[in-house]
Amino acid sequence: MSDAPSDLAARLHQVSDYEKKVHHTPLTSLLRAAGKTKVFSSFYRRIGPTMDPWLMKKSGGRAISRLYGLPALLLDTVGSKTGLTRTSPLLYLRDGEDFVVVGTNFGQFHHPAWTANLLAEPRAHVAVGPIRLAVVAELVDQAGWDSIWPRFCDIYPGYANYLDRCGDRVPRMFLLHPTA
């Protein structure tokens, strides 16, 4: 019989080991610079959500983390309208054992669908490289948002520009608590 807490601890340790392999590359610098522009955001929001999951699944996550040099995961949610599994490639931060994701939607005026999916059904899954974990999402309160947001802008400066472009909409930020 498997001891779930020790299994979870072992997989979180695997995630930590995987994250140590994520290093900035020349493409990282290019993405960090281009990501600030509206043209890049407009282009990438059309191809990234399709191309990135395919690349991540085919390479066990290595293509994105090692090519882009940014911490990326695949988030599987249950569609709030369809009930179907939806996969979203996202940059993330770690807050202890938790993963933190934010729904900037490339600076558009509306929230991305995956955030509505998490509000309707907070149980989801993440894949960080080859490691898959069940998580439960918790919407971050304003104080948490204010303290975490600068860290997102540090890893990807385009986020600051997204915030400027999305009007009065405050992007939803979630803590994803690993459960198994």
N, C-alpha and C. Protein backbone atom coordinates (compact mmCIF):
# COMPACT_ATOMS: atom_id res chain seq x y z
N MET A 1 0.85 -1.19 0.00
CA MET A 1 0.00 0.00 0.00
C MET A 1 0.88 1.24 0.00
N SER A 2 0.54 2.23 -0.82
CA SER A 2 1.33 3.44 -0.96
C SER A 2 0.98 4.45 0.13
N ASP A 3 1.98 5.08 0.64
CA ASP A 3 1.78 6.14 1.62
C ASP A 3 1.66 7.45 0.85
N ALA A 4 0.44 7.99 0.69
CA ALA A 4 0.18 9.16 -0.15
C ALA A 4 1.04 10.37 0.20
N PRO A 5 1.16 10.77 1.48
CA PRO A 5 1.98 11.94 1.78
C PRO A 5 3.43 11.77 1.35
N SER A 6 4.03 10.60 1.55
CA SER A 6 5.42 10.43 1.15
C SER A 6 5.54 10.38 -0.36
N ASP A 7 4.52 9.83 -1.06
CA ASP A 7 4.51 9.83 -2.51
C ASP A 7 4.45 11.27 -3.03
N LEU A 8 3.59 12.08 -2.43
CA LEU A 8 3.48 13.48 -2.83
C LEU A 8 4.80 14.20 -2.57
N ALA A 9 5.40 13.97 -1.42
CA ALA A 9 6.68 14.61 -1.11
C ALA A 9 7.74 14.19 -2.12
N ALA A 10 7.74 12.92 -2.50
CA ALA A 10 8.72 12.44 -3.48
C ALA A 10 8.51 13.12 -4.84
N ARG A 11 7.25 13.27 -5.25
CA ARG A 11 6.99 13.91 -6.55
C ARG A 11 7.28 15.40 -6.50
N LEU A 12 7.03 16.05 -5.37
CA LEU A 12 7.41 17.47 -5.24
C LEU A 12 8.93 17.62 -5.28
N HIS A 13 9.64 16.65 -4.73
CA HIS A 13 11.10 16.67 -4.81
C HIS A 13 11.55 16.51 -6.27
N GLN A 14 10.85 15.65 -7.03
CA GLN A 14 11.15 15.50 -8.45
C GLN A 14 10.91 16.81 -9.20
N VAL A 15 9.83 17.51 -8.84
CA VAL A 15 9.55 18.81 -9.46
C VAL A 15 10.70 19.77 -9.16
N SER A 16 11.14 19.81 -7.91
CA SER A 16 12.26 20.70 -7.54
C SER A 16 13.51 20.36 -8.34
N ASP A 17 13.80 19.07 -8.49
CA ASP A 17 14.96 18.66 -9.30
C ASP A 17 14.80 19.10 -10.75
N TYR A 18 13.59 18.94 -11.28
CA TYR A 18 13.31 19.36 -12.66
C TYR A 18 13.50 20.87 -12.81
N GLU A 19 13.00 21.63 -11.83
CA GLU A 19 13.09 23.09 -11.90
C GLU A 19 14.54 23.57 -11.91
N LYS A 20 15.44 22.83 -11.30
CA LYS A 20 16.86 23.21 -11.29
C LYS A 20 17.47 23.17 -12.68
N LYS A 21 16.83 22.50 -13.62
CA LYS A 21 17.33 22.41 -14.98
C LYS A 21 16.84 23.55 -15.86
N VAL A 22 15.97 24.40 -15.34
CA VAL A 22 15.45 25.53 -16.11
C VAL A 22 16.42 26.69 -15.96
N HIS A 23 17.05 27.05 -17.08
CA HIS A 23 18.03 28.14 -17.08
C HIS A 23 17.72 29.08 -18.23
N HIS A 24 18.07 30.34 -18.04
CA HIS A 24 17.87 31.32 -19.11
C HIS A 24 18.72 30.93 -20.31
N THR A 25 18.15 31.17 -21.48
CA THR A 25 18.82 30.91 -22.75
C THR A 25 18.78 32.21 -23.55
N PRO A 26 19.44 32.26 -24.69
CA PRO A 26 19.30 33.46 -25.54
C PRO A 26 17.84 33.73 -25.91
N LEU A 27 17.05 32.65 -26.08
CA LEU A 27 15.64 32.83 -26.40
C LEU A 27 14.87 33.44 -25.22
N THR A 28 15.31 33.15 -24.00
CA THR A 28 14.67 33.73 -22.82
C THR A 28 14.73 35.25 -22.90
N SER A 29 15.90 35.77 -23.18
CA SER A 29 16.07 37.23 -23.27
C SER A 29 15.20 37.81 -24.38
N LEU A 30 15.15 37.12 -25.52
CA LEU A 30 14.32 37.58 -26.62
C LEU A 30 12.84 37.59 -26.22
N LEU A 31 12.37 36.51 -25.59
CA LEU A 31 10.97 36.44 -25.16
C LEU A 31 10.66 37.50 -24.11
N ARG A 32 11.58 37.71 -23.18
CA ARG A 32 11.35 38.72 -22.14
C ARG A 32 11.24 40.11 -22.75
N ALA A 33 12.00 40.39 -23.80
CA ALA A 33 11.93 41.69 -24.47
C ALA A 33 10.69 41.79 -25.36
N ALA A 34 10.47 40.77 -26.19
CA ALA A 34 9.34 40.79 -27.13
C ALA A 34 8.01 40.72 -26.40
N GLY A 35 7.98 40.03 -25.27
CA GLY A 35 6.74 39.86 -24.52
C GLY A 35 6.13 41.16 -24.04
N LYS A 36 6.92 42.20 -24.02
CA LYS A 36 6.42 43.51 -23.58
C LYS A 36 5.59 44.19 -24.66
N THR A 37 5.69 43.71 -25.90
CA THR A 37 5.03 44.40 -27.01
C THR A 37 3.64 43.85 -27.28
N LYS A 38 2.78 44.73 -27.72
CA LYS A 38 1.41 44.34 -28.05
C LYS A 38 1.38 43.42 -29.27
N VAL A 39 2.28 43.66 -30.22
CA VAL A 39 2.33 42.83 -31.43
C VAL A 39 2.67 41.38 -31.07
N PHE A 40 3.68 41.19 -30.21
CA PHE A 40 4.06 39.84 -29.82
C PHE A 40 2.91 39.17 -29.07
N SER A 41 2.30 39.88 -28.14
CA SER A 41 1.19 39.32 -27.37
C SER A 41 0.05 38.89 -28.27
N SER A 42 -0.27 39.73 -29.24
CA SER A 42 -1.36 39.42 -30.16
C SER A 42 -1.04 38.18 -30.98
N PHE A 43 0.20 38.06 -31.43
CA PHE A 43 0.63 36.90 -32.21
C PHE A 43 0.68 35.66 -31.33
N TYR A 44 1.33 35.75 -30.18
CA TYR A 44 1.58 34.57 -29.36
C TYR A 44 0.31 34.01 -28.73
N ARG A 45 -0.65 34.87 -28.43
CA ARG A 45 -1.88 34.35 -27.83
C ARG A 45 -2.67 33.50 -28.82
N ARG A 46 -2.34 33.62 -30.09
CA ARG A 46 -3.00 32.79 -31.10
C ARG A 46 -2.29 31.45 -31.31
N ILE A 47 -0.96 31.43 -31.17
CA ILE A 47 -0.25 30.18 -31.43
C ILE A 47 0.21 29.47 -30.16
N GLY A 48 0.55 30.22 -29.12
CA GLY A 48 1.09 29.62 -27.90
C GLY A 48 0.18 28.60 -27.24
N PRO A 49 -1.10 28.91 -27.04
CA PRO A 49 -1.99 27.95 -26.37
C PRO A 49 -2.18 26.63 -27.14
N THR A 50 -1.88 26.62 -28.43
CA THR A 50 -1.95 25.39 -29.21
C THR A 50 -0.58 24.73 -29.31
N MET A 51 0.43 25.53 -29.64
CA MET A 51 1.77 25.00 -29.86
C MET A 51 2.43 24.53 -28.55
N ASP A 52 2.34 25.32 -27.49
CA ASP A 52 3.05 24.99 -26.25
C ASP A 52 2.60 23.67 -25.62
N PRO A 53 1.29 23.39 -25.50
CA PRO A 53 0.91 22.08 -24.92
C PRO A 53 1.43 20.92 -25.76
N TRP A 54 1.37 21.07 -27.08
CA TRP A 54 1.85 20.00 -27.96
C TRP A 54 3.34 19.79 -27.72
N LEU A 55 4.12 20.88 -27.73
CA LEU A 55 5.56 20.78 -27.49
C LEU A 55 5.87 20.19 -26.11
N MET A 56 5.14 20.65 -25.11
CA MET A 56 5.39 20.18 -23.74
C MET A 56 5.07 18.70 -23.60
N LYS A 57 3.97 18.26 -24.20
CA LYS A 57 3.60 16.85 -24.10
C LYS A 57 4.59 15.97 -24.86
N LYS A 58 5.00 16.41 -26.03
CA LYS A 58 5.93 15.63 -26.86
C LYS A 58 7.32 15.52 -26.23
N SER A 59 7.72 16.55 -25.48
CA SER A 59 9.09 16.57 -24.94
C SER A 59 9.15 16.34 -23.44
N GLY A 60 8.02 16.01 -22.83
CA GLY A 60 8.00 15.85 -21.37
C GLY A 60 8.27 17.17 -20.67
N GLY A 61 7.90 18.28 -21.32
CA GLY A 61 8.08 19.60 -20.74
C GLY A 61 9.43 20.22 -21.03
N ARG A 62 10.38 19.42 -21.49
CA ARG A 62 11.74 19.92 -21.66
C ARG A 62 11.85 21.01 -22.71
N ALA A 63 11.08 20.93 -23.79
CA ALA A 63 11.21 21.92 -24.86
C ALA A 63 10.93 23.33 -24.36
N ILE A 64 9.91 23.49 -23.58
CA ILE A 64 9.54 24.83 -23.11
C ILE A 64 10.50 25.31 -22.03
N SER A 65 10.72 24.48 -21.03
CA SER A 65 11.56 24.94 -19.92
C SER A 65 13.01 25.14 -20.36
N ARG A 66 13.52 24.29 -21.20
CA ARG A 66 14.92 24.41 -21.61
C ARG A 66 15.10 25.34 -22.79
N LEU A 67 14.12 25.41 -23.68
CA LEU A 67 14.21 26.30 -24.83
C LEU A 67 13.89 27.74 -24.43
N TYR A 68 12.75 27.91 -23.76
CA TYR A 68 12.33 29.24 -23.35
C TYR A 68 13.06 29.71 -22.10
N GLY A 69 13.46 28.76 -21.26
CA GLY A 69 14.15 29.12 -20.02
C GLY A 69 13.23 29.75 -18.99
N LEU A 70 11.96 29.40 -19.03
CA LEU A 70 10.97 29.95 -18.11
C LEU A 70 10.23 28.79 -17.43
N PRO A 71 9.80 28.95 -16.19
CA PRO A 71 9.07 27.89 -15.51
C PRO A 71 7.65 27.77 -16.07
N ALA A 72 7.38 26.63 -16.70
CA ALA A 72 6.09 26.44 -17.35
C ALA A 72 5.47 25.12 -16.91
N LEU A 73 4.15 25.12 -16.84
CA LEU A 73 3.41 23.90 -16.53
C LEU A 73 2.21 23.80 -17.45
N LEU A 74 1.64 22.62 -17.49
CA LEU A 74 0.36 22.41 -18.16
C LEU A 74 -0.69 22.25 -17.08
N LEU A 75 -1.74 23.03 -17.17
CA LEU A 75 -2.85 22.97 -16.22
C LEU A 75 -4.03 22.33 -16.92
N ASP A 76 -4.52 21.22 -16.36
CA ASP A 76 -5.73 20.56 -16.87
C ASP A 76 -6.88 20.91 -15.95
N THR A 77 -7.88 21.56 -16.52
CA THR A 77 -9.09 21.91 -15.78
C THR A 77 -10.28 21.24 -16.45
N VAL A 78 -11.41 21.23 -15.75
CA VAL A 78 -12.67 20.75 -16.32
C VAL A 78 -13.42 21.97 -16.82
N GLY A 79 -13.77 21.96 -18.10
CA GLY A 79 -14.50 23.08 -18.69
C GLY A 79 -15.79 23.36 -17.95
N SER A 80 -15.97 24.61 -17.52
CA SER A 80 -17.16 24.94 -16.72
C SER A 80 -18.44 24.86 -17.53
N LYS A 81 -18.35 24.98 -18.85
CA LYS A 81 -19.54 24.87 -19.69
C LYS A 81 -19.66 23.51 -20.35
N THR A 82 -18.52 22.92 -20.72
CA THR A 82 -18.56 21.68 -21.50
C THR A 82 -18.36 20.42 -20.66
N GLY A 83 -17.69 20.56 -19.51
CA GLY A 83 -17.35 19.38 -18.72
C GLY A 83 -16.16 18.62 -19.28
N LEU A 84 -15.56 19.11 -20.36
CA LEU A 84 -14.42 18.46 -20.99
C LEU A 84 -13.12 18.95 -20.37
N THR A 85 -12.09 18.12 -20.43
CA THR A 85 -10.78 18.52 -19.92
C THR A 85 -10.17 19.55 -20.87
N ARG A 86 -9.68 20.63 -20.30
CA ARG A 86 -9.03 21.70 -21.05
C ARG A 86 -7.61 21.85 -20.53
N THR A 87 -6.66 21.97 -21.44
CA THR A 87 -5.25 22.09 -21.07
C THR A 87 -4.75 23.48 -21.43
N SER A 88 -4.12 24.12 -20.45
CA SER A 88 -3.58 25.47 -20.64
C SER A 88 -2.11 25.49 -20.26
N PRO A 89 -1.24 25.97 -21.16
CA PRO A 89 0.17 26.14 -20.81
C PRO A 89 0.33 27.47 -20.07
N LEU A 90 0.99 27.44 -18.92
CA LEU A 90 1.11 28.65 -18.10
C LEU A 90 2.50 28.76 -17.50
N LEU A 91 2.95 29.99 -17.33
CA LEU A 91 4.12 30.23 -16.51
C LEU A 91 3.66 30.13 -15.07
N TYR A 92 4.56 29.79 -14.18
CA TYR A 92 4.18 29.66 -12.78
C TYR A 92 5.33 30.08 -11.88
N LEU A 93 4.96 30.29 -10.63
CA LEU A 93 5.91 30.52 -9.53
C LEU A 93 5.65 29.46 -8.50
N ARG A 94 6.60 29.29 -7.61
CA ARG A 94 6.38 28.40 -6.47
C ARG A 94 6.26 29.25 -5.22
N ASP A 95 5.35 28.85 -4.36
CA ASP A 95 5.17 29.45 -3.05
C ASP A 95 5.16 28.29 -2.06
N GLY A 96 6.33 27.94 -1.58
CA GLY A 96 6.46 26.72 -0.78
C GLY A 96 6.19 25.54 -1.68
N GLU A 97 5.27 24.67 -1.26
CA GLU A 97 4.91 23.52 -2.09
C GLU A 97 3.90 23.88 -3.17
N ASP A 98 3.26 25.03 -3.04
CA ASP A 98 2.20 25.43 -3.97
C ASP A 98 2.77 26.00 -5.26
N PHE A 99 1.97 25.86 -6.31
CA PHE A 99 2.25 26.50 -7.59
C PHE A 99 1.34 27.72 -7.66
N VAL A 100 1.82 28.80 -8.25
CA VAL A 100 1.02 30.02 -8.39
C VAL A 100 0.92 30.32 -9.88
N VAL A 101 -0.30 30.53 -10.36
CA VAL A 101 -0.55 30.89 -11.75
C VAL A 101 -1.43 32.13 -11.79
N VAL A 102 -1.32 32.88 -12.88
CA VAL A 102 -2.10 34.11 -12.99
C VAL A 102 -2.70 34.19 -14.39
N GLY A 103 -3.94 34.63 -14.47
CA GLY A 103 -4.68 34.70 -15.73
C GLY A 103 -4.64 36.07 -16.36
N THR A 104 -3.50 36.43 -16.93
CA THR A 104 -3.39 37.75 -17.56
C THR A 104 -4.09 37.80 -18.91
N ASN A 105 -4.22 36.65 -19.55
CA ASN A 105 -4.85 36.55 -20.86
C ASN A 105 -4.21 37.49 -21.87
N PHE A 106 -2.89 37.63 -21.76
CA PHE A 106 -2.11 38.45 -22.69
C PHE A 106 -2.58 39.91 -22.71
N GLY A 107 -3.19 40.37 -21.62
CA GLY A 107 -3.62 41.76 -21.53
C GLY A 107 -4.97 42.04 -22.15
N GLN A 108 -5.74 41.01 -22.47
CA GLN A 108 -7.06 41.24 -23.02
C GLN A 108 -8.01 41.69 -21.92
N PHE A 109 -9.17 42.20 -22.33
CA PHE A 109 -10.12 42.74 -21.37
C PHE A 109 -10.91 41.68 -20.60
N HIS A 110 -10.86 40.41 -21.02
CA HIS A 110 -11.63 39.36 -20.35
C HIS A 110 -10.69 38.33 -19.73
N HIS A 111 -11.20 37.65 -18.73
CA HIS A 111 -10.44 36.61 -18.05
C HIS A 111 -10.30 35.39 -18.97
N PRO A 112 -9.19 34.67 -18.87
CA PRO A 112 -9.08 33.44 -19.66
C PRO A 112 -10.04 32.38 -19.12
N ALA A 113 -10.49 31.50 -20.00
CA ALA A 113 -11.47 30.48 -19.63
C ALA A 113 -10.99 29.58 -18.50
N TRP A 114 -9.70 29.28 -18.46
CA TRP A 114 -9.23 28.35 -17.43
C TRP A 114 -9.47 28.90 -16.03
N THR A 115 -9.52 30.24 -15.87
CA THR A 115 -9.78 30.79 -14.54
C THR A 115 -11.22 30.56 -14.12
N ALA A 116 -12.15 30.68 -15.07
CA ALA A 116 -13.56 30.37 -14.77
C ALA A 116 -13.72 28.89 -14.46
N ASN A 117 -12.95 28.06 -15.17
CA ASN A 117 -13.00 26.62 -14.90
C ASN A 117 -12.57 26.31 -13.47
N LEU A 118 -11.50 26.96 -13.00
CA LEU A 118 -11.03 26.73 -11.63
C LEU A 118 -12.00 27.26 -10.59
N LEU A 119 -12.67 28.36 -10.90
CA LEU A 119 -13.67 28.88 -9.96
C LEU A 119 -14.84 27.90 -9.84
N ALA A 120 -15.24 27.29 -10.96
CA ALA A 120 -16.36 26.35 -10.95
C ALA A 120 -15.97 25.00 -10.37
N GLU A 121 -14.74 24.56 -10.65
CA GLU A 121 -14.25 23.26 -10.16
C GLU A 121 -12.77 23.41 -9.83
N PRO A 122 -12.47 23.62 -8.54
CA PRO A 122 -11.08 23.89 -8.15
C PRO A 122 -10.14 22.69 -8.22
N ARG A 123 -10.68 21.49 -8.36
CA ARG A 123 -9.80 20.32 -8.50
C ARG A 123 -9.28 20.26 -9.93
N ALA A 124 -7.96 20.11 -10.07
CA ALA A 124 -7.34 20.12 -11.39
C ALA A 124 -6.06 19.29 -11.33
N HIS A 125 -5.32 19.30 -12.40
CA HIS A 125 -4.03 18.62 -12.47
C HIS A 125 -3.01 19.54 -13.12
N VAL A 126 -1.77 19.42 -12.69
CA VAL A 126 -0.67 20.12 -13.35
C VAL A 126 0.36 19.10 -13.79
N ALA A 127 1.06 19.43 -14.86
CA ALA A 127 2.21 18.65 -15.30
C ALA A 127 3.38 19.62 -15.38
N VAL A 128 4.38 19.34 -14.59
CA VAL A 128 5.62 20.12 -14.63
C VAL A 128 6.67 19.16 -15.17
N GLY A 129 7.08 19.40 -16.42
CA GLY A 129 7.93 18.42 -17.07
C GLY A 129 7.18 17.09 -17.10
N PRO A 130 7.83 16.01 -16.73
CA PRO A 130 7.17 14.70 -16.76
C PRO A 130 6.38 14.38 -15.49
N ILE A 131 6.35 15.29 -14.53
CA ILE A 131 5.69 15.02 -13.24
C ILE A 131 4.27 15.58 -13.26
N ARG A 132 3.31 14.72 -12.97
CA ARG A 132 1.90 15.12 -12.94
C ARG A 132 1.39 15.06 -11.51
N LEU A 133 0.68 16.11 -11.11
CA LEU A 133 0.16 16.21 -9.75
C LEU A 133 -1.29 16.67 -9.76
N ALA A 134 -2.08 16.12 -8.85
CA ALA A 134 -3.42 16.64 -8.60
C ALA A 134 -3.26 17.88 -7.72
N VAL A 135 -4.08 18.89 -7.98
CA VAL A 135 -4.04 20.12 -7.20
C VAL A 135 -5.46 20.59 -6.90
N VAL A 136 -5.56 21.44 -5.90
CA VAL A 136 -6.80 22.14 -5.60
C VAL A 136 -6.48 23.63 -5.65
N ALA A 137 -7.28 24.37 -6.41
CA ALA A 137 -7.03 25.79 -6.63
C ALA A 137 -7.70 26.64 -5.56
N GLU A 138 -7.00 27.69 -5.18
CA GLU A 138 -7.53 28.68 -4.25
C GLU A 138 -7.26 30.06 -4.85
N LEU A 139 -8.31 30.84 -5.01
CA LEU A 139 -8.16 32.20 -5.52
C LEU A 139 -7.38 33.02 -4.51
N VAL A 140 -6.37 33.72 -4.98
CA VAL A 140 -5.52 34.52 -4.10
C VAL A 140 -6.24 35.82 -3.75
N ASP A 141 -6.19 36.20 -2.48
CA ASP A 141 -6.81 37.46 -2.06
C ASP A 141 -5.93 38.64 -2.49
N GLN A 142 -6.44 39.85 -2.29
CA GLN A 142 -5.73 41.04 -2.78
C GLN A 142 -4.35 41.20 -2.15
N ALA A 143 -4.23 40.94 -0.85
CA ALA A 143 -2.92 41.06 -0.19
C ALA A 143 -1.92 40.08 -0.79
N GLY A 144 -2.37 38.85 -1.02
CA GLY A 144 -1.50 37.86 -1.65
C GLY A 144 -1.14 38.26 -3.06
N TRP A 145 -2.12 38.76 -3.79
CA TRP A 145 -1.90 39.21 -5.17
C TRP A 145 -0.83 40.29 -5.19
N ASP A 146 -0.98 41.28 -4.31
CA ASP A 146 -0.03 42.39 -4.27
C ASP A 146 1.39 41.93 -3.95
N SER A 147 1.52 40.93 -3.09
CA SER A 147 2.86 40.48 -2.72
C SER A 147 3.47 39.54 -3.78
N ILE A 148 2.64 38.79 -4.51
CA ILE A 148 3.16 37.83 -5.48
C ILE A 148 3.36 38.45 -6.86
N TRP A 149 2.52 39.38 -7.25
CA TRP A 149 2.56 39.95 -8.61
C TRP A 149 3.97 40.41 -9.04
N PRO A 150 4.72 41.12 -8.21
CA PRO A 150 6.06 41.55 -8.66
C PRO A 150 6.97 40.38 -9.03
N ARG A 151 6.78 39.25 -8.41
CA ARG A 151 7.60 38.07 -8.75
C ARG A 151 7.29 37.59 -10.17
N PHE A 152 6.02 37.66 -10.57
CA PHE A 152 5.68 37.30 -11.95
C PHE A 152 6.34 38.26 -12.93
N CYS A 153 6.33 39.54 -12.62
CA CYS A 153 6.95 40.52 -13.50
C CYS A 153 8.47 40.34 -13.57
N ASP A 154 9.06 39.83 -12.50
CA ASP A 154 10.50 39.55 -12.51
C ASP A 154 10.85 38.42 -13.48
N ILE A 155 10.04 37.36 -13.49
CA ILE A 155 10.38 36.25 -14.39
C ILE A 155 9.98 36.54 -15.83
N TYR A 156 8.93 37.35 -16.02
CA TYR A 156 8.48 37.67 -17.37
C TYR A 156 7.95 39.10 -17.39
N PRO A 157 8.78 40.07 -17.78
CA PRO A 157 8.39 41.48 -17.74
C PRO A 157 7.15 41.82 -18.56
N GLY A 158 6.79 40.98 -19.52
CA GLY A 158 5.58 41.24 -20.30
C GLY A 158 4.33 41.30 -19.45
N TYR A 159 4.35 40.65 -18.28
CA TYR A 159 3.18 40.69 -17.40
C TYR A 159 2.81 42.12 -16.99
N ALA A 160 3.78 42.95 -16.74
CA ALA A 160 3.48 44.34 -16.36
C ALA A 160 2.74 45.05 -17.48
N ASN A 161 3.13 44.77 -18.72
CA ASN A 161 2.45 45.38 -19.86
C ASN A 161 1.04 44.81 -20.03
N TYR A 162 0.89 43.53 -19.75
CA TYR A 162 -0.44 42.93 -19.83
C TYR A 162 -1.37 43.64 -18.86
N LEU A 163 -0.88 43.90 -17.66
CA LEU A 163 -1.71 44.55 -16.64
C LEU A 163 -2.12 45.95 -17.11
N ASP A 164 -1.21 46.66 -17.75
CA ASP A 164 -1.53 47.99 -18.27
C ASP A 164 -2.61 47.94 -19.34
N ARG A 165 -2.64 46.85 -20.11
CA ARG A 165 -3.56 46.76 -21.25
C ARG A 165 -4.92 46.17 -20.91
N CYS A 166 -5.10 45.54 -19.76
CA CYS A 166 -6.37 44.84 -19.52
C CYS A 166 -7.42 45.71 -18.84
N GLY A 167 -7.22 47.01 -18.84
CA GLY A 167 -8.24 47.91 -18.31
C GLY A 167 -8.42 47.76 -16.81
N ASP A 168 -9.67 47.77 -16.38
CA ASP A 168 -9.99 47.66 -14.96
C ASP A 168 -9.96 46.22 -14.44
N ARG A 169 -9.80 45.26 -15.34
CA ARG A 169 -9.80 43.86 -14.94
C ARG A 169 -8.51 43.52 -14.19
N VAL A 170 -8.67 42.97 -13.01
CA VAL A 170 -7.51 42.48 -12.26
C VAL A 170 -7.40 40.99 -12.56
N PRO A 171 -6.28 40.56 -13.12
CA PRO A 171 -6.14 39.14 -13.44
C PRO A 171 -6.32 38.26 -12.21
N ARG A 172 -7.01 37.16 -12.41
CA ARG A 172 -7.20 36.20 -11.32
C ARG A 172 -5.89 35.42 -11.10
N MET A 173 -5.52 35.30 -9.84
CA MET A 173 -4.32 34.57 -9.48
C MET A 173 -4.74 33.42 -8.56
N PHE A 174 -4.14 32.27 -8.77
CA PHE A 174 -4.50 31.09 -7.98
C PHE A 174 -3.28 30.44 -7.36
N LEU A 175 -3.46 29.98 -6.12
CA LEU A 175 -2.53 29.03 -5.53
C LEU A 175 -3.04 27.66 -5.88
N LEU A 176 -2.16 26.82 -6.38
CA LEU A 176 -2.53 25.43 -6.69
C LEU A 176 -1.86 24.55 -5.66
N HIS A 177 -2.66 24.02 -4.74
CA HIS A 177 -2.16 23.21 -3.64
C HIS A 177 -2.07 21.75 -4.09
N PRO A 178 -0.87 21.16 -4.14
CA PRO A 178 -0.76 19.75 -4.54
C PRO A 178 -1.45 18.84 -3.52
N THR A 179 -2.17 17.85 -4.04
CA THR A 179 -2.88 16.92 -3.16
C THR A 179 -2.44 15.48 -3.38
N ALA A 180 -1.96 15.15 -4.55
CA ALA A 180 -1.51 13.78 -4.83
C ALA A 180 -0.73 13.72 -6.11
